[in-house]
């Protein structure tokens, strides 16, 4: 029998990712760092991190790019699912609010209809925005949308405001300017920070620990490239995100890419979101708060970057 028929084909590592988050992942892909580290990555592009979590739970991917609110809801939906957060990729203040009309003040959004995507950072941001400006949730109408549909719904005037993340905010602003329609942009001034992490099955950590460690080392190389070659890296990211013009730098200022272990602050943010879920989502009012520590495993990160004596 021919050798090429008997040789076992290497299995691809399926990674779900949202198109416009996890900047060091974009760098690693575009610069071929995964290939250099012997990884055959198959990207599964999803519209938002919630879909990545769904694919992970269905075991259709080996790992996924996720955010805090995904884990906060996981604790209520599937508390026994052995999903683990094993590395942090970036922190973001890249969620914003657009409102129709010029010089709108925060208190003016009372009585308005706001488009958002449930159980994503769009959801947690608008909640934080209302709290930050002391606006009761009952004073606005929150209308759920698929994230790809929110910009057009806002541009067409179907909703008064839209809770968006970059670069959707940036692209919506361009469209509004081209149409000559007035708007007010409420920037995230830091009152809401989301953290992008990598999550996987506990079984994947055990069975494919070598791939997980090589994945982490690849992303570390991508981070080093971004730090040492910012102009080139920003050009790669801008082309990947399909953005141009002076707003690029503003978007980069809203995103802080850094590969790191899962921090205590991440756990605190999940627990804070958990309390919000119990208070605001009637589906989970009577549920007990989960133990979110069960969803964190830094051992593979520490092992990947600990020098062996």
C-alpha atoms as a PDB file:
ATOM      1  CA  UNK A   1       0.000   0.000   0.000  1.00  0.00           C
ATOM      2  CA  UNK A   2       1.288   3.457  -0.906  1.00  0.00           C
ATOM      3  CA  UNK A   3       2.814   5.451   1.928  1.00  0.00           C
ATOM      4  CA  UNK A   4       0.580   8.454   1.374  1.00  0.00           C
ATOM      5  CA  UNK A   5      -2.468   6.231   1.842  1.00  0.00           C
ATOM      6  CA  UNK A   6      -1.254   4.711   5.073  1.00  0.00           C
ATOM      7  CA  UNK A   7       0.027   7.929   6.608  1.00  0.00           C
ATOM      8  CA  UNK A   8      -2.487   9.372   9.012  1.00  0.00           C
ATOM      9  CA  UNK A   9      -3.772  12.798   8.055  1.00  0.00           C
ATOM     10  CA  UNK A  10      -3.215  15.433  10.711  1.00  0.00           C
ATOM     11  CA  UNK A  11      -6.473  16.669  12.212  1.00  0.00           C
ATOM     12  CA  UNK A  12      -7.243  20.366  11.857  1.00  0.00           C
ATOM     13  CA  UNK A  13      -7.731  22.460  14.972  1.00  0.00           C
ATOM     14  CA  UNK A  14     -11.109  24.169  14.569  1.00  0.00           C
ATOM     15  CA  UNK A  15     -11.202  27.652  16.065  1.00  0.00           C
ATOM     16  CA  UNK A  16     -14.369  29.783  16.169  1.00  0.00           C
ATOM     17  CA  UNK A  17     -13.743  33.503  16.111  1.00  0.00           C
ATOM     18  CA  UNK A  18     -15.686  36.712  15.703  1.00  0.00           C
ATOM     19  CA  UNK A  19     -14.398  38.601  12.685  1.00  0.00           C
ATOM     20  CA  UNK A  20     -13.372  41.847  14.352  1.00  0.00           C
ATOM     21  CA  UNK A  21     -12.042  40.890  17.774  1.00  0.00           C
ATOM     22  CA  UNK A  22      -8.821  39.240  18.994  1.00  0.00           C
ATOM     23  CA  UNK A  23      -6.252  41.341  17.127  1.00  0.00           C
ATOM     24  CA  UNK A  24      -3.290  39.074  17.855  1.00  0.00           C
ATOM     25  CA  UNK A  25      -5.236  36.225  16.283  1.00  0.00           C
ATOM     26  CA  UNK A  26      -5.462  38.272  13.075  1.00  0.00           C
ATOM     27  CA  UNK A  27      -1.716  38.912  13.150  1.00  0.00           C
ATOM     28  CA  UNK A  28      -0.907  35.237  13.761  1.00  0.00           C
ATOM     29  CA  UNK A  29      -3.080  34.225  10.816  1.00  0.00           C
ATOM     30  CA  UNK A  30      -1.839  36.848   8.345  1.00  0.00           C
ATOM     31  CA  UNK A  31       1.850  36.348   9.201  1.00  0.00           C
ATOM     32  CA  UNK A  32       1.693  32.547   8.976  1.00  0.00           C
ATOM     33  CA  UNK A  33       2.772  32.014  12.590  1.00  0.00           C
ATOM     34  CA  UNK A  34       0.399  29.071  13.045  1.00  0.00           C
ATOM     35  CA  UNK A  35       2.088  27.224  10.191  1.00  0.00           C
ATOM     36  CA  UNK A  36       5.493  28.007  11.692  1.00  0.00           C
ATOM     37  CA  UNK A  37       4.413  26.320  14.922  1.00  0.00           C
ATOM     38  CA  UNK A  38       3.046  23.245  13.170  1.00  0.00           C
ATOM     39  CA  UNK A  39      -0.630  24.100  13.664  1.00  0.00           C
ATOM     40  CA  UNK A  40      -3.264  23.495  11.004  1.00  0.00           C
ATOM     41  CA  UNK A  41      -5.981  25.966  12.023  1.00  0.00           C
ATOM     42  CA  UNK A  42      -9.447  25.929  10.465  1.00  0.00           C
ATOM     43  CA  UNK A  43     -11.249  29.177  11.188  1.00  0.00           C
ATOM     44  CA  UNK A  44     -14.979  29.089  11.779  1.00  0.00           C
ATOM     45  CA  UNK A  45     -16.128  32.703  11.488  1.00  0.00           C
ATOM     46  CA  UNK A  46     -19.131  33.591  13.664  1.00  0.00           C
ATOM     47  CA  UNK A  47     -21.157  36.838  13.882  1.00  0.00           C
ATOM     48  CA  UNK A  48     -20.601  37.173  17.634  1.00  0.00           C
ATOM     49  CA  UNK A  49     -18.951  35.319  20.513  1.00  0.00           C
ATOM     50  CA  UNK A  50     -22.268  33.876  21.699  1.00  0.00           C
ATOM     51  CA  UNK A  51     -22.398  31.779  18.515  1.00  0.00           C
ATOM     52  CA  UNK A  52     -18.841  30.629  19.211  1.00  0.00           C
ATOM     53  CA  UNK A  53     -19.945  29.414  22.642  1.00  0.00           C
ATOM     54  CA  UNK A  54     -22.867  27.549  21.062  1.00  0.00           C
ATOM     55  CA  UNK A  55     -20.517  25.766  18.630  1.00  0.00           C
ATOM     56  CA  UNK A  56     -18.220  24.925  21.525  1.00  0.00           C
ATOM     57  CA  UNK A  57     -21.067  23.396  23.521  1.00  0.00           C
ATOM     58  CA  UNK A  58     -22.122  21.413  20.440  1.00  0.00           C
ATOM     59  CA  UNK A  59     -18.487  20.233  20.139  1.00  0.00           C
ATOM     60  CA  UNK A  60     -18.297  21.496  16.549  1.00  0.00           C
ATOM     61  CA  UNK A  61     -15.103  23.449  17.299  1.00  0.00           C
ATOM     62  CA  UNK A  62     -12.029  22.776  19.428  1.00  0.00           C
ATOM     63  CA  UNK A  63     -11.784  26.295  20.848  1.00  0.00           C
ATOM     64  CA  UNK A  64     -13.514  29.647  20.555  1.00  0.00           C
ATOM     65  CA  UNK A  65     -12.919  33.330  21.138  1.00  0.00           C
ATOM     66  CA  UNK A  66     -15.332  34.344  23.926  1.00  0.00           C
ATOM     67  CA  UNK A  67     -16.221  37.222  26.273  1.00  0.00           C
ATOM     68  CA  UNK A  68     -17.353  37.413  29.913  1.00  0.00           C
ATOM     69  CA  UNK A  69     -21.076  37.497  29.276  1.00  0.00           C
ATOM     70  CA  UNK A  70     -20.865  34.166  27.425  1.00  0.00           C
ATOM     71  CA  UNK A  71     -19.535  32.492  30.575  1.00  0.00           C
ATOM     72  CA  UNK A  72     -21.952  34.383  32.815  1.00  0.00           C
ATOM     73  CA  UNK A  73     -24.912  32.889  30.940  1.00  0.00           C
ATOM     74  CA  UNK A  74     -23.222  29.491  30.591  1.00  0.00           C
ATOM     75  CA  UNK A  75     -23.282  29.217  34.372  1.00  0.00           C
ATOM     76  CA  UNK A  76     -27.092  29.295  34.283  1.00  0.00           C
ATOM     77  CA  UNK A  77     -27.755  27.423  31.047  1.00  0.00           C
ATOM     78  CA  UNK A  78     -25.209  24.609  31.326  1.00  0.00           C
ATOM     79  CA  UNK A  79     -23.495  24.728  34.754  1.00  0.00           C
ATOM     80  CA  UNK A  80     -22.128  21.197  34.373  1.00  0.00           C
ATOM     81  CA  UNK A  81     -20.575  21.726  30.936  1.00  0.00           C
ATOM     82  CA  UNK A  82     -16.778  21.311  31.207  1.00  0.00           C
ATOM     83  CA  UNK A  83     -15.847  24.472  29.312  1.00  0.00           C
ATOM     84  CA  UNK A  84     -12.630  26.200  30.355  1.00  0.00           C
ATOM     85  CA  UNK A  85     -11.234  29.701  29.816  1.00  0.00           C
ATOM     86  CA  UNK A  86      -7.483  29.180  29.404  1.00  0.00           C
ATOM     87  CA  UNK A  87      -5.999  32.493  28.173  1.00  0.00           C
ATOM     88  CA  UNK A  88      -6.851  36.181  27.868  1.00  0.00           C
ATOM     89  CA  UNK A  89      -6.347  37.854  24.453  1.00  0.00           C
ATOM     90  CA  UNK A  90      -7.351  41.478  24.870  1.00  0.00           C
ATOM     91  CA  UNK A  91      -9.305  44.030  26.864  1.00  0.00           C
ATOM     92  CA  UNK A  92     -11.729  46.291  25.021  1.00  0.00           C
ATOM     93  CA  UNK A  93     -13.666  49.497  25.534  1.00  0.00           C
ATOM     94  CA  UNK A  94     -14.869  49.160  21.939  1.00  0.00           C
ATOM     95  CA  UNK A  95     -18.632  49.238  22.556  1.00  0.00           C
ATOM     96  CA  UNK A  96     -20.474  52.497  21.842  1.00  0.00           C
ATOM     97  CA  UNK A  97     -23.956  53.970  21.497  1.00  0.00           C
ATOM     98  CA  UNK A  98     -25.244  55.846  18.437  1.00  0.00           C
ATOM     99  CA  UNK A  99     -28.400  57.964  18.708  1.00  0.00           C
ATOM    100  CA  UNK A 100     -30.337  59.814  16.009  1.00  0.00           C
ATOM    101  CA  UNK A 101     -30.068  63.610  16.217  1.00  0.00           C
ATOM    102  CA  UNK A 102     -27.382  66.179  16.983  1.00  0.00           C
ATOM    103  CA  UNK A 103     -26.168  67.084  20.462  1.00  0.00           C
ATOM    104  CA  UNK A 104     -28.333  64.487  22.170  1.00  0.00           C
ATOM    105  CA  UNK A 105     -27.743  64.236  25.927  1.00  0.00           C
ATOM    106  CA  UNK A 106     -27.816  60.921  27.822  1.00  0.00           C
ATOM    107  CA  UNK A 107     -31.075  61.834  29.572  1.00  0.00           C
ATOM    108  CA  UNK A 108     -32.684  62.419  26.157  1.00  0.00           C
ATOM    109  CA  UNK A 109     -32.730  58.703  25.413  1.00  0.00           C
ATOM    110  CA  UNK A 110     -35.593  58.191  27.868  1.00  0.00           C
ATOM    111  CA  UNK A 111     -38.552  56.876  25.893  1.00  0.00           C
ATOM    112  CA  UNK A 112     -36.308  55.788  22.994  1.00  0.00           C
ATOM    113  CA  UNK A 113     -36.038  52.367  21.357  1.00  0.00           C
ATOM    114  CA  UNK A 114     -32.495  50.980  21.452  1.00  0.00           C
ATOM    115  CA  UNK A 115     -31.303  48.114  19.263  1.00  0.00           C
ATOM    116  CA  UNK A 116     -28.954  45.601  20.890  1.00  0.00           C
ATOM    117  CA  UNK A 117     -27.818  41.977  20.564  1.00  0.00           C
ATOM    118  CA  UNK A 118     -28.884  39.930  23.605  1.00  0.00           C
ATOM    119  CA  UNK A 119     -26.232  38.126  25.654  1.00  0.00           C
ATOM    120  CA  UNK A 120     -23.294  39.812  23.926  1.00  0.00           C
ATOM    121  CA  UNK A 121     -21.165  42.839  24.887  1.00  0.00           C
ATOM    122  CA  UNK A 122     -23.800  44.957  23.125  1.00  0.00           C
ATOM    123  CA  UNK A 123     -26.154  43.787  25.888  1.00  0.00           C
ATOM    124  CA  UNK A 124     -23.793  44.344  28.814  1.00  0.00           C
ATOM    125  CA  UNK A 125     -22.669  47.732  27.435  1.00  0.00           C
ATOM    126  CA  UNK A 126     -26.145  49.246  27.130  1.00  0.00           C
ATOM    127  CA  UNK A 127     -26.910  48.018  30.643  1.00  0.00           C
ATOM    128  CA  UNK A 128     -23.751  49.701  31.946  1.00  0.00           C
ATOM    129  CA  UNK A 129     -24.540  52.852  29.952  1.00  0.00           C
ATOM    130  CA  UNK A 130     -27.954  53.170  31.570  1.00  0.00           C
ATOM    131  CA  UNK A 131     -26.479  52.573  35.031  1.00  0.00           C
ATOM    132  CA  UNK A 132     -23.637  55.034  34.403  1.00  0.00           C
ATOM    133  CA  UNK A 133     -26.088  57.793  33.474  1.00  0.00           C
ATOM    134  CA  UNK A 134     -28.653  56.851  36.142  1.00  0.00           C
ATOM    135  CA  UNK A 135     -31.363  55.991  33.617  1.00  0.00           C
ATOM    136  CA  UNK A 136     -33.811  53.257  34.756  1.00  0.00           C
ATOM    137  CA  UNK A 137     -34.126  50.369  32.315  1.00  0.00           C
ATOM    138  CA  UNK A 138     -37.906  50.826  32.345  1.00  0.00           C
ATOM    139  CA  UNK A 139     -37.446  54.255  30.742  1.00  0.00           C
ATOM    140  CA  UNK A 140     -36.199  52.793  27.445  1.00  0.00           C
ATOM    141  CA  UNK A 141     -37.294  50.013  25.098  1.00  0.00           C
ATOM    142  CA  UNK A 142     -34.586  47.478  24.281  1.00  0.00           C
ATOM    143  CA  UNK A 143     -35.171  45.800  20.916  1.00  0.00           C
ATOM    144  CA  UNK A 144     -33.155  42.649  20.098  1.00  0.00           C
ATOM    145  CA  UNK A 145     -31.325  42.335  16.781  1.00  0.00           C
ATOM    146  CA  UNK A 146     -28.759  40.169  15.097  1.00  0.00           C
ATOM    147  CA  UNK A 147     -25.516  42.227  15.195  1.00  0.00           C
ATOM    148  CA  UNK A 148     -25.336  42.302  11.391  1.00  0.00           C
ATOM    149  CA  UNK A 149     -28.834  43.827  11.246  1.00  0.00           C
ATOM    150  CA  UNK A 150     -28.433  46.600  13.838  1.00  0.00           C
ATOM    151  CA  UNK A 151     -26.495  49.111  11.659  1.00  0.00           C
ATOM    152  CA  UNK A 152     -29.044  49.038   8.827  1.00  0.00           C
ATOM    153  CA  UNK A 153     -31.954  49.193  11.268  1.00  0.00           C
ATOM    154  CA  UNK A 154     -30.413  52.319  12.796  1.00  0.00           C
ATOM    155  CA  UNK A 155     -29.601  53.919   9.429  1.00  0.00           C
ATOM    156  CA  UNK A 156     -33.158  53.296   8.181  1.00  0.00           C
ATOM    157  CA  UNK A 157     -34.597  54.837  11.352  1.00  0.00           C
ATOM    158  CA  UNK A 158     -36.281  51.666  12.617  1.00  0.00           C
ATOM    159  CA  UNK A 159     -34.710  52.329  16.021  1.00  0.00           C
ATOM    160  CA  UNK A 160     -33.754  55.528  17.819  1.00  0.00           C
ATOM    161  CA  UNK A 161     -30.378  54.267  19.018  1.00  0.00           C
ATOM    162  CA  UNK A 162     -28.015  51.338  18.562  1.00  0.00           C
ATOM    163  CA  UNK A 163     -25.630  49.612  20.956  1.00  0.00           C
ATOM    164  CA  UNK A 164     -22.722  48.603  18.716  1.00  0.00           C
ATOM    165  CA  UNK A 165     -19.114  47.464  18.842  1.00  0.00           C
ATOM    166  CA  UNK A 166     -16.209  48.421  16.613  1.00  0.00           C
ATOM    167  CA  UNK A 167     -15.861  48.509  13.673  1.00  0.00           C
ATOM    168  CA  UNK A 168     -19.674  48.391  13.280  1.00  0.00           C
ATOM    169  CA  UNK A 169     -19.883  51.784  15.009  1.00  0.00           C
ATOM    170  CA  UNK A 170     -17.298  53.265  12.655  1.00  0.00           C
ATOM    171  CA  UNK A 171     -18.964  51.869   9.510  1.00  0.00           C
ATOM    172  CA  UNK A 172     -22.401  53.078  10.646  1.00  0.00           C
ATOM    173  CA  UNK A 173     -21.047  56.580  11.238  1.00  0.00           C
ATOM    174  CA  UNK A 174     -19.611  56.648   7.693  1.00  0.00           C
ATOM    175  CA  UNK A 175     -23.010  55.684   6.263  1.00  0.00           C
ATOM    176  CA  UNK A 176     -24.800  58.345   8.336  1.00  0.00           C
ATOM    177  CA  UNK A 177     -22.359  61.024   7.149  1.00  0.00           C
ATOM    178  CA  UNK A 178     -22.753  59.977   3.519  1.00  0.00           C
ATOM    179  CA  UNK A 179     -26.536  60.226   3.851  1.00  0.00           C
ATOM    180  CA  UNK A 180     -26.275  63.567   5.661  1.00  0.00           C
ATOM    181  CA  UNK A 181     -28.205  62.300   8.672  1.00  0.00           C
ATOM    182  CA  UNK A 182     -27.497  63.780  12.119  1.00  0.00           C
ATOM    183  CA  UNK A 183     -26.392  61.511  14.936  1.00  0.00           C
ATOM    184  CA  UNK A 184     -24.746  61.606  18.356  1.00  0.00           C
ATOM    185  CA  UNK A 185     -21.934  59.227  19.244  1.00  0.00           C
ATOM    186  CA  UNK A 186     -21.666  58.267  22.906  1.00  0.00           C
ATOM    187  CA  UNK A 187     -18.209  56.789  23.298  1.00  0.00           C
ATOM    188  CA  UNK A 188     -17.347  54.205  25.892  1.00  0.00           C
ATOM    189  CA  UNK A 189     -15.261  56.291  28.281  1.00  0.00           C
ATOM    190  CA  UNK A 190     -14.093  53.258  30.242  1.00  0.00           C
ATOM    191  CA  UNK A 191     -17.159  52.537  32.374  1.00  0.00           C
ATOM    192  CA  UNK A 192     -17.526  49.248  30.508  1.00  0.00           C
ATOM    193  CA  UNK A 193     -14.570  46.995  29.722  1.00  0.00           C
ATOM    194  CA  UNK A 194     -14.920  43.575  28.138  1.00  0.00           C
ATOM    195  CA  UNK A 195     -12.191  40.963  28.050  1.00  0.00           C
ATOM    196  CA  UNK A 196     -11.682  38.599  25.136  1.00  0.00           C
ATOM    197  CA  UNK A 197     -10.507  35.119  26.079  1.00  0.00           C
ATOM    198  CA  UNK A 198      -9.965  31.684  24.565  1.00  0.00           C
ATOM    199  CA  UNK A 199     -12.231  28.904  25.724  1.00  0.00           C
ATOM    200  CA  UNK A 200     -12.228  25.177  25.049  1.00  0.00           C
ATOM    201  CA  UNK A 201     -13.530  21.841  26.338  1.00  0.00           C
ATOM    202  CA  UNK A 202     -11.814  20.282  29.297  1.00  0.00           C
ATOM    203  CA  UNK A 203     -11.369  17.183  27.122  1.00  0.00           C
ATOM    204  CA  UNK A 204      -9.537  19.252  24.482  1.00  0.00           C
ATOM    205  CA  UNK A 205      -7.136  20.560  27.095  1.00  0.00           C
ATOM    206  CA  UNK A 206      -6.346  16.990  28.112  1.00  0.00           C
ATOM    207  CA  UNK A 207      -6.287  15.272  24.709  1.00  0.00           C
ATOM    208  CA  UNK A 208      -4.677  18.090  22.731  1.00  0.00           C
ATOM    209  CA  UNK A 209      -2.513  19.750  25.365  1.00  0.00           C
ATOM    210  CA  UNK A 210       0.423  19.984  22.946  1.00  0.00           C
ATOM    211  CA  UNK A 211      -1.689  21.854  20.387  1.00  0.00           C
ATOM    212  CA  UNK A 212      -3.035  24.165  23.084  1.00  0.00           C
ATOM    213  CA  UNK A 213       0.492  25.065  24.206  1.00  0.00           C
ATOM    214  CA  UNK A 214       1.641  25.621  20.614  1.00  0.00           C
ATOM    215  CA  UNK A 215      -1.422  27.794  20.046  1.00  0.00           C
ATOM    216  CA  UNK A 216      -0.456  29.935  23.035  1.00  0.00           C
ATOM    217  CA  UNK A 217       3.164  30.242  21.890  1.00  0.00           C
ATOM    218  CA  UNK A 218       1.958  31.254  18.420  1.00  0.00           C
ATOM    219  CA  UNK A 219      -0.196  34.004  19.872  1.00  0.00           C
ATOM    220  CA  UNK A 220       2.689  35.208  22.022  1.00  0.00           C
ATOM    221  CA  UNK A 221       4.791  35.555  18.872  1.00  0.00           C
ATOM    222  CA  UNK A 222       1.954  37.526  17.260  1.00  0.00           C
ATOM    223  CA  UNK A 223       1.756  39.827  20.276  1.00  0.00           C
ATOM    224  CA  UNK A 224       5.507  40.447  20.118  1.00  0.00           C
ATOM    225  CA  UNK A 225       5.197  41.264  16.401  1.00  0.00           C
ATOM    226  CA  UNK A 226       2.403  43.771  17.117  1.00  0.00           C
ATOM    227  CA  UNK A 227       4.474  45.459  19.845  1.00  0.00           C
ATOM    228  CA  UNK A 228       7.661  45.611  17.784  1.00  0.00           C
ATOM    229  CA  UNK A 229       6.076  46.415  14.412  1.00  0.00           C
ATOM    230  CA  UNK A 230       3.025  48.575  15.223  1.00  0.00           C
ATOM    231  CA  UNK A 231       2.674  50.262  11.819  1.00  0.00           C
ATOM    232  CA  UNK A 232       2.797  46.996   9.888  1.00  0.00           C
ATOM    233  CA  UNK A 233       0.542  45.264  12.407  1.00  0.00           C
ATOM    234  CA  UNK A 234      -2.017  48.077  12.312  1.00  0.00           C
ATOM    235  CA  UNK A 235      -2.055  47.957   8.513  1.00  0.00           C
ATOM    236  CA  UNK A 236      -2.720  44.197   8.605  1.00  0.00           C
ATOM    237  CA  UNK A 237      -5.529  44.656  11.127  1.00  0.00           C
ATOM    238  CA  UNK A 238      -7.072  47.588   9.241  1.00  0.00           C
ATOM    239  CA  UNK A 239      -7.179  45.556   6.028  1.00  0.00           C
ATOM    240  CA  UNK A 240      -8.629  42.585   7.890  1.00  0.00           C
ATOM    241  CA  UNK A 241     -11.328  44.760   9.510  1.00  0.00           C
ATOM    242  CA  UNK A 242     -11.878  46.696   6.258  1.00  0.00           C
ATOM    243  CA  UNK A 243     -11.447  50.103   7.872  1.00  0.00           C
ATOM    244  CA  UNK A 244      -9.530  53.194   6.758  1.00  0.00           C
ATOM    245  CA  UNK A 245      -9.122  56.862   7.570  1.00  0.00           C
ATOM    246  CA  UNK A 246      -8.316  58.810  10.748  1.00  0.00           C
ATOM    247  CA  UNK A 247     -10.703  56.781  12.920  1.00  0.00           C
ATOM    248  CA  UNK A 248      -8.395  53.763  12.754  1.00  0.00           C
ATOM    249  CA  UNK A 249      -6.183  55.042  15.547  1.00  0.00           C
ATOM    250  CA  UNK A 250      -9.212  55.752  17.741  1.00  0.00           C
ATOM    251  CA  UNK A 251     -10.361  52.161  17.282  1.00  0.00           C
ATOM    252  CA  UNK A 252      -6.929  50.826  18.214  1.00  0.00           C
ATOM    253  CA  UNK A 253      -7.007  52.960  21.364  1.00  0.00           C
ATOM    254  CA  UNK A 254     -10.190  51.137  22.401  1.00  0.00           C
ATOM    255  CA  UNK A 255      -8.498  47.728  22.180  1.00  0.00           C
ATOM    256  CA  UNK A 256      -5.558  46.550  24.280  1.00  0.00           C
ATOM    257  CA  UNK A 257      -4.268  43.198  22.934  1.00  0.00           C
ATOM    258  CA  UNK A 258      -2.172  41.207  25.394  1.00  0.00           C
ATOM    259  CA  UNK A 259      -1.811  37.475  25.852  1.00  0.00           C
ATOM    260  CA  UNK A 260      -2.101  36.688  29.557  1.00  0.00           C
ATOM    261  CA  UNK A 261      -3.495  34.148  32.015  1.00  0.00           C
ATOM    262  CA  UNK A 262      -7.087  34.647  33.156  1.00  0.00           C
ATOM    263  CA  UNK A 263      -6.956  37.319  35.859  1.00  0.00           C
ATOM    264  CA  UNK A 264      -8.964  37.631  39.093  1.00  0.00           C
ATOM    265  CA  UNK A 265     -10.659  40.701  37.577  1.00  0.00           C
ATOM    266  CA  UNK A 266     -12.097  38.472  34.833  1.00  0.00           C
ATOM    267  CA  UNK A 267     -13.712  36.260  37.464  1.00  0.00           C
ATOM    268  CA  UNK A 268     -15.028  39.360  39.258  1.00  0.00           C
ATOM    269  CA  UNK A 269     -16.572  40.658  36.025  1.00  0.00           C
ATOM    270  CA  UNK A 270     -18.327  37.349  35.375  1.00  0.00           C
ATOM    271  CA  UNK A 271     -19.697  37.271  38.915  1.00  0.00           C
ATOM    272  CA  UNK A 272     -20.919  40.877  38.534  1.00  0.00           C
ATOM    273  CA  UNK A 273     -22.684  39.956  35.277  1.00  0.00           C
ATOM    274  CA  UNK A 274     -24.140  36.915  37.014  1.00  0.00           C
ATOM    275  CA  UNK A 275     -25.818  39.148  39.605  1.00  0.00           C
ATOM    276  CA  UNK A 276     -27.145  41.366  36.820  1.00  0.00           C
ATOM    277  CA  UNK A 277     -28.611  38.307  35.061  1.00  0.00           C
ATOM    278  CA  UNK A 278     -30.463  37.222  38.198  1.00  0.00           C
ATOM    279  CA  UNK A 279     -31.833  40.730  38.732  1.00  0.00           C
ATOM    280  CA  UNK A 280     -32.799  41.537  35.140  1.00  0.00           C
ATOM    281  CA  UNK A 281     -33.402  38.295  33.246  1.00  0.00           C
ATOM    282  CA  UNK A 282     -36.642  36.767  34.506  1.00  0.00           C
ATOM    283  CA  UNK A 283     -35.645  33.347  33.146  1.00  0.00           C
ATOM    284  CA  UNK A 284     -32.979  33.056  35.844  1.00  0.00           C
ATOM    285  CA  UNK A 285     -34.416  35.033  38.781  1.00  0.00           C
ATOM    286  CA  UNK A 286     -34.827  31.955  40.966  1.00  0.00           C
ATOM    287  CA  UNK A 287     -31.560  30.259  39.987  1.00  0.00           C
ATOM    288  CA  UNK A 288     -28.592  29.975  42.323  1.00  0.00           C
ATOM    289  CA  UNK A 289     -25.403  31.794  41.333  1.00  0.00           C
ATOM    290  CA  UNK A 290     -22.923  29.366  39.704  1.00  0.00           C
ATOM    291  CA  UNK A 291     -19.353  28.735  40.819  1.00  0.00           C
ATOM    292  CA  UNK A 292     -17.492  30.419  37.958  1.00  0.00           C
ATOM    293  CA  UNK A 293     -14.090  29.389  39.257  1.00  0.00           C
ATOM    294  CA  UNK A 294     -14.852  25.995  37.697  1.00  0.00           C
ATOM    295  CA  UNK A 295     -14.631  27.599  34.248  1.00  0.00           C
ATOM    296  CA  UNK A 296     -11.049  28.851  34.578  1.00  0.00           C
ATOM    297  CA  UNK A 297      -7.843  26.871  34.011  1.00  0.00           C
ATOM    298  CA  UNK A 298      -4.542  28.760  33.781  1.00  0.00           C
ATOM    299  CA  UNK A 299      -2.345  25.670  34.125  1.00  0.00           C
ATOM    300  CA  UNK A 300      -1.761  25.233  30.373  1.00  0.00           C
ATOM    301  CA  UNK A 301      -0.808  28.890  29.945  1.00  0.00           C
ATOM    302  CA  UNK A 302       1.620  28.708  32.857  1.00  0.00           C
ATOM    303  CA  UNK A 303       3.056  25.426  31.596  1.00  0.00           C
ATOM    304  CA  UNK A 304       3.547  26.817  28.068  1.00  0.00           C
ATOM    305  CA  UNK A 305       5.622  29.747  29.319  1.00  0.00           C
ATOM    306  CA  UNK A 306       7.438  28.199  32.274  1.00  0.00           C
ATOM    307  CA  UNK A 307      11.043  27.328  31.532  1.00  0.00           C
ATOM    308  CA  UNK A 308      11.925  23.737  32.290  1.00  0.00           C
ATOM    309  CA  UNK A 309      15.007  23.268  34.430  1.00  0.00           C
END
